[in-house]
Amino acid sequence: MLKKISMMVVALTMAIAAQAQYSNNRLTPFHEDKYYVGASFTGFDLNYSGLEDFKLGVSAQAGYFLFDNWMASGQIAYNSNGKAPDYFSLGAGLRYYIEQNGLFLGANVNYLHANTNFNDVQPGIEVGYAYFLSRTVTVEPSVYYHQSFKDHSNYSNLGFKITFGIYLND
């Protein structure tokens, strides 16, 4: 597990070290009234929880910047696990972007439903980096943690995900 966590930290550090931010004198990349859509891929055998050998997940996000640097978002996700049952989740979150360098901090809550009638509400945190490939398209590596209150040892998880995002003006 230490090797996996080290790999996640190295990947995030490399992304943060890269400088691909653009400057726009009138508007910041994370300004109020901007929209966001994204798709994430999680797993890649770079996560850990008590029930899983291999995990691959996909999710779709949509967000709206309520204020400069503050985005509210919604998410739907599907996760396929090795030993654990597959599950769907719905969630809502809030991100704060540190404008000078593209780092973001997030907090969210997800409702998880497994096909074995297991239901759980999981709060989570996330730290990531918005790496701009163009004026609107990003690659966003991030490290996340979701806390299960129903079955901590088997359903709480720490992982790494890659999101491809698009920031749209209103």
C-alpha atoms as a PDB file:
ATOM      1  CA  MET A   1       0.000   0.000   0.000  1.00  0.00           C
ATOM      2  CA  LEU A   2       2.886   2.369   0.756  1.00  0.00           C
ATOM      3  CA  LYS A   3       4.151   1.888  -2.797  1.00  0.00           C
ATOM      4  CA  LYS A   4       0.732   2.818  -4.222  1.00  0.00           C
ATOM      5  CA  ILE A   5       0.466   5.936  -2.066  1.00  0.00           C
ATOM      6  CA  SER A   6       4.011   6.929  -3.064  1.00  0.00           C
ATOM      7  CA  MET A   7       3.079   6.551  -6.738  1.00  0.00           C
ATOM      8  CA  MET A   8       0.025   8.784  -6.238  1.00  0.00           C
ATOM      9  CA  VAL A   9       2.094  11.458  -4.493  1.00  0.00           C
ATOM     10  CA  VAL A  10       4.780  11.368  -7.223  1.00  0.00           C
ATOM     11  CA  ALA A  11       2.157  11.672  -9.986  1.00  0.00           C
ATOM     12  CA  LEU A  12       0.465  14.614  -8.282  1.00  0.00           C
ATOM     13  CA  THR A  13       3.806  16.319  -7.599  1.00  0.00           C
ATOM     14  CA  MET A  14       4.831  15.985 -11.253  1.00  0.00           C
ATOM     15  CA  ALA A  15       1.527  17.507 -12.363  1.00  0.00           C
ATOM     16  CA  ILE A  16       1.881  20.410  -9.956  1.00  0.00           C
ATOM     17  CA  ALA A  17       5.434  21.089 -11.114  1.00  0.00           C
ATOM     18  CA  ALA A  18       4.270  21.470 -14.714  1.00  0.00           C
ATOM     19  CA  GLN A  19       3.308  25.020 -15.628  1.00  0.00           C
ATOM     20  CA  ALA A  20       0.571  25.243 -18.239  1.00  0.00           C
ATOM     21  CA  GLN A  21      -1.571  28.069 -16.967  1.00  0.00           C
ATOM     22  CA  TYR A  22      -2.636  30.781 -19.348  1.00  0.00           C
ATOM     23  CA  SER A  23      -3.083  34.423 -18.478  1.00  0.00           C
ATOM     24  CA  ASN A  24      -6.159  36.413 -19.350  1.00  0.00           C
ATOM     25  CA  ASN A  25      -6.120  39.974 -18.108  1.00  0.00           C
ATOM     26  CA  ARG A  26      -9.922  40.282 -17.957  1.00  0.00           C
ATOM     27  CA  LEU A  27     -11.035  36.921 -16.577  1.00  0.00           C
ATOM     28  CA  THR A  28      -9.389  34.214 -14.550  1.00  0.00           C
ATOM     29  CA  PRO A  29      -9.809  30.600 -15.648  1.00  0.00           C
ATOM     30  CA  PHE A  30     -12.037  30.015 -12.601  1.00  0.00           C
ATOM     31  CA  HIS A  31     -14.320  33.050 -12.730  1.00  0.00           C
ATOM     32  CA  GLU A  32     -17.900  33.393 -11.537  1.00  0.00           C
ATOM     33  CA  ASP A  33     -20.724  32.232 -13.868  1.00  0.00           C
ATOM     34  CA  LYS A  34     -18.514  29.729 -15.705  1.00  0.00           C
ATOM     35  CA  TYR A  35     -19.660  26.150 -16.344  1.00  0.00           C
ATOM     36  CA  TYR A  36     -17.696  22.936 -16.031  1.00  0.00           C
ATOM     37  CA  VAL A  37     -18.150  19.418 -17.422  1.00  0.00           C
ATOM     38  CA  GLY A  38     -15.794  16.557 -16.823  1.00  0.00           C
ATOM     39  CA  ALA A  39     -15.261  12.818 -17.021  1.00  0.00           C
ATOM     40  CA  SER A  40     -13.059  10.889 -14.588  1.00  0.00           C
ATOM     41  CA  PHE A  41     -11.341   7.553 -14.565  1.00  0.00           C
ATOM     42  CA  THR A  42     -10.399   6.059 -11.209  1.00  0.00           C
ATOM     43  CA  GLY A  43      -8.695   2.924 -10.090  1.00  0.00           C
ATOM     44  CA  PHE A  44      -5.883   1.784 -12.383  1.00  0.00           C
ATOM     45  CA  ASP A  45      -5.006  -0.400  -9.374  1.00  0.00           C
ATOM     46  CA  LEU A  46      -3.821   2.762  -7.590  1.00  0.00           C
ATOM     47  CA  ASN A  47      -6.384   2.782  -4.820  1.00  0.00           C
ATOM     48  CA  TYR A  48      -6.941   0.859  -1.636  1.00  0.00           C
ATOM     49  CA  SER A  49      -9.889  -0.348   0.381  1.00  0.00           C
ATOM     50  CA  GLY A  50     -10.467  -3.486   2.416  1.00  0.00           C
ATOM     51  CA  LEU A  51     -12.557  -5.390  -0.163  1.00  0.00           C
ATOM     52  CA  GLU A  52     -10.878  -4.567  -3.437  1.00  0.00           C
ATOM     53  CA  ASP A  53      -8.127  -6.136  -5.481  1.00  0.00           C
ATOM     54  CA  PHE A  54      -8.693  -4.154  -8.668  1.00  0.00           C
ATOM     55  CA  LYS A  55     -11.018  -1.250  -9.200  1.00  0.00           C
ATOM     56  CA  LEU A  56     -11.948   0.688 -12.271  1.00  0.00           C
ATOM     57  CA  GLY A  57     -14.457   3.488 -12.105  1.00  0.00           C
ATOM     58  CA  VAL A  58     -15.888   6.120 -14.406  1.00  0.00           C
ATOM     59  CA  SER A  59     -17.792   9.244 -13.504  1.00  0.00           C
ATOM     60  CA  ALA A  60     -19.304  12.322 -15.076  1.00  0.00           C
ATOM     61  CA  GLN A  61     -19.335  15.722 -13.375  1.00  0.00           C
ATOM     62  CA  ALA A  62     -21.021  19.026 -14.035  1.00  0.00           C
ATOM     63  CA  GLY A  63     -20.334  22.218 -12.153  1.00  0.00           C
ATOM     64  CA  TYR A  64     -21.010  25.912 -11.915  1.00  0.00           C
ATOM     65  CA  PHE A  65     -18.811  28.659 -10.465  1.00  0.00           C
ATOM     66  CA  LEU A  66     -20.918  30.410  -7.849  1.00  0.00           C
ATOM     67  CA  PHE A  67     -18.130  32.906  -7.100  1.00  0.00           C
ATOM     68  CA  ASP A  68     -14.612  33.389  -8.422  1.00  0.00           C
ATOM     69  CA  ASN A  69     -12.601  30.243  -7.588  1.00  0.00           C
ATOM     70  CA  TRP A  70     -15.605  28.450  -5.937  1.00  0.00           C
ATOM     71  CA  MET A  71     -17.354  25.705  -7.905  1.00  0.00           C
ATOM     72  CA  ALA A  72     -20.396  23.656  -6.867  1.00  0.00           C
ATOM     73  CA  SER A  73     -20.711  20.355  -8.692  1.00  0.00           C
ATOM     74  CA  GLY A  74     -22.739  17.205  -9.095  1.00  0.00           C
ATOM     75  CA  GLN A  75     -21.457  13.761 -10.028  1.00  0.00           C
ATOM     76  CA  ILE A  76     -22.689  10.339 -11.098  1.00  0.00           C
ATOM     77  CA  ALA A  77     -20.328   7.359 -11.033  1.00  0.00           C
ATOM     78  CA  TYR A  78     -20.088   3.620 -11.649  1.00  0.00           C
ATOM     79  CA  ASN A  79     -17.379   1.460 -10.056  1.00  0.00           C
ATOM     80  CA  SER A  80     -16.440  -2.119 -10.813  1.00  0.00           C
ATOM     81  CA  ASN A  81     -14.473  -3.924  -8.130  1.00  0.00           C
ATOM     82  CA  GLY A  82     -12.562  -7.158  -7.821  1.00  0.00           C
ATOM     83  CA  LYS A  83     -14.069  -8.847  -4.739  1.00  0.00           C
ATOM     84  CA  ALA A  84     -16.628  -6.198  -3.728  1.00  0.00           C
ATOM     85  CA  PRO A  85     -19.961  -5.698  -5.496  1.00  0.00           C
ATOM     86  CA  ASP A  86     -20.185  -3.118  -8.271  1.00  0.00           C
ATOM     87  CA  TYR A  87     -21.851   0.117  -7.226  1.00  0.00           C
ATOM     88  CA  PHE A  88     -23.344   3.380  -8.444  1.00  0.00           C
ATOM     89  CA  SER A  89     -22.988   6.683  -6.658  1.00  0.00           C
ATOM     90  CA  LEU A  90     -24.513  10.150  -6.843  1.00  0.00           C
ATOM     91  CA  GLY A  91     -22.778  13.082  -5.240  1.00  0.00           C
ATOM     92  CA  ALA A  92     -22.484  16.797  -4.741  1.00  0.00           C
ATOM     93  CA  GLY A  93     -19.405  18.787  -3.906  1.00  0.00           C
ATOM     94  CA  LEU A  94     -17.648  22.091  -3.594  1.00  0.00           C
ATOM     95  CA  ARG A  95     -14.197  22.994  -4.945  1.00  0.00           C
ATOM     96  CA  TYR A  96     -11.937  25.907  -4.179  1.00  0.00           C
ATOM     97  CA  TYR A  97      -9.291  26.744  -6.811  1.00  0.00           C
ATOM     98  CA  ILE A  98      -6.037  28.401  -5.827  1.00  0.00           C
ATOM     99  CA  GLU A  99      -5.875  30.612  -8.877  1.00  0.00           C
ATOM    100  CA  GLN A 100      -2.145  31.328  -8.920  1.00  0.00           C
ATOM    101  CA  ASN A 101      -1.141  27.722  -9.586  1.00  0.00           C
ATOM    102  CA  GLY A 102      -4.227  25.657 -10.548  1.00  0.00           C
ATOM    103  CA  LEU A 103      -4.366  23.601  -7.356  1.00  0.00           C
ATOM    104  CA  PHE A 104      -7.835  22.818  -6.071  1.00  0.00           C
ATOM    105  CA  LEU A 105      -9.227  21.553  -2.788  1.00  0.00           C
ATOM    106  CA  GLY A 106     -12.559  19.774  -2.736  1.00  0.00           C
ATOM    107  CA  ALA A 107     -15.111  18.424  -0.313  1.00  0.00           C
ATOM    108  CA  ASN A 108     -18.025  16.238  -1.338  1.00  0.00           C
ATOM    109  CA  VAL A 109     -20.662  13.803  -0.194  1.00  0.00           C
ATOM    110  CA  ASN A 110     -21.730  10.728  -2.175  1.00  0.00           C
ATOM    111  CA  TYR A 111     -24.665   8.371  -1.881  1.00  0.00           C
ATOM    112  CA  LEU A 112     -23.450   4.872  -2.759  1.00  0.00           C
ATOM    113  CA  HIS A 113     -25.735   2.005  -3.815  1.00  0.00           C
ATOM    114  CA  ALA A 114     -24.317  -1.466  -4.445  1.00  0.00           C
ATOM    115  CA  ASN A 115     -26.262  -4.150  -6.277  1.00  0.00           C
ATOM    116  CA  THR A 116     -26.362  -6.175  -3.029  1.00  0.00           C
ATOM    117  CA  ASN A 117     -28.710  -3.622  -1.397  1.00  0.00           C
ATOM    118  CA  PHE A 118     -25.808  -1.966   0.400  1.00  0.00           C
ATOM    119  CA  ASN A 119     -26.412   1.782   0.745  1.00  0.00           C
ATOM    120  CA  ASP A 120     -24.019   4.277   2.276  1.00  0.00           C
ATOM    121  CA  VAL A 121     -23.438   8.025   2.501  1.00  0.00           C
ATOM    122  CA  GLN A 122     -19.754   8.872   2.182  1.00  0.00           C
ATOM    123  CA  PRO A 123     -18.212  12.305   2.748  1.00  0.00           C
ATOM    124  CA  GLY A 124     -14.926  12.856   0.955  1.00  0.00           C
ATOM    125  CA  ILE A 125     -12.034  15.193   0.318  1.00  0.00           C
ATOM    126  CA  GLU A 126      -9.893  15.752  -2.758  1.00  0.00           C
ATOM    127  CA  VAL A 127      -6.697  17.587  -3.689  1.00  0.00           C
ATOM    128  CA  GLY A 128      -5.804  18.062  -7.329  1.00  0.00           C
ATOM    129  CA  TYR A 129      -4.333  20.191 -10.066  1.00  0.00           C
ATOM    130  CA  ALA A 130      -6.047  21.695 -13.132  1.00  0.00           C
ATOM    131  CA  TYR A 131      -3.488  21.418 -15.953  1.00  0.00           C
ATOM    132  CA  PHE A 132      -4.709  23.450 -18.940  1.00  0.00           C
ATOM    133  CA  LEU A 133      -4.092  21.870 -22.345  1.00  0.00           C
ATOM    134  CA  SER A 134      -5.842  24.809 -24.027  1.00  0.00           C
ATOM    135  CA  ARG A 135      -7.859  27.812 -22.872  1.00  0.00           C
ATOM    136  CA  THR A 136     -10.781  25.563 -21.864  1.00  0.00           C
ATOM    137  CA  VAL A 137      -9.631  21.905 -21.722  1.00  0.00           C
ATOM    138  CA  THR A 138      -7.860  20.440 -18.680  1.00  0.00           C
ATOM    139  CA  VAL A 139      -6.341  17.252 -17.387  1.00  0.00           C
ATOM    140  CA  GLU A 140      -6.876  17.112 -13.638  1.00  0.00           C
ATOM    141  CA  PRO A 141      -4.981  14.503 -11.634  1.00  0.00           C
ATOM    142  CA  SER A 142      -6.144  14.294  -8.032  1.00  0.00           C
ATOM    143  CA  VAL A 143      -5.914  12.253  -4.861  1.00  0.00           C
ATOM    144  CA  TYR A 144      -9.151  11.554  -2.994  1.00  0.00           C
ATOM    145  CA  TYR A 145     -10.427   9.922   0.183  1.00  0.00           C
ATOM    146  CA  HIS A 146     -13.998   8.739   0.788  1.00  0.00           C
ATOM    147  CA  GLN A 147     -15.028   7.818   4.337  1.00  0.00           C
ATOM    148  CA  SER A 148     -17.659   5.110   4.833  1.00  0.00           C
ATOM    149  CA  PHE A 149     -19.534   5.333   8.098  1.00  0.00           C
ATOM    150  CA  LYS A 150     -21.442   2.108   7.498  1.00  0.00           C
ATOM    151  CA  ASP A 151     -18.423  -0.186   6.932  1.00  0.00           C
ATOM    152  CA  HIS A 152     -15.175   1.753   7.361  1.00  0.00           C
ATOM    153  CA  SER A 153     -12.701  -1.101   6.867  1.00  0.00           C
ATOM    154  CA  ASN A 154     -14.249  -2.381   3.631  1.00  0.00           C
ATOM    155  CA  TYR A 155     -15.786   0.638   1.886  1.00  0.00           C
ATOM    156  CA  SER A 156     -13.667   3.678   2.811  1.00  0.00           C
ATOM    157  CA  ASN A 157     -11.144   4.273   0.072  1.00  0.00           C
ATOM    158  CA  LEU A 158      -8.101   6.289  -0.865  1.00  0.00           C
ATOM    159  CA  GLY A 159      -7.328   6.675  -4.540  1.00  0.00           C
ATOM    160  CA  PHE A 160      -5.991   8.558  -7.516  1.00  0.00           C
ATOM    161  CA  LYS A 161      -8.119   9.738 -10.425  1.00  0.00           C
ATOM    162  CA  ILE A 162      -7.635  11.542 -13.695  1.00  0.00           C
ATOM    163  CA  THR A 163     -10.358  13.909 -14.861  1.00  0.00           C
ATOM    164  CA  PHE A 164     -10.667  15.458 -18.298  1.00  0.00           C
ATOM    165  CA  GLY A 165     -12.501  18.749 -17.870  1.00  0.00           C
ATOM    166  CA  ILE A 166     -13.916  21.523 -20.019  1.00  0.00           C
ATOM    167  CA  TYR A 167     -14.459  25.030 -18.619  1.00  0.00           C
ATOM    168  CA  LEU A 168     -17.179  26.891 -20.527  1.00  0.00           C
ATOM    169  CA  ASN A 169     -18.064  30.570 -20.405  1.00  0.00           C
ATOM    170  CA  ASP A 170     -21.673  31.545 -19.834  1.00  0.00           C
END
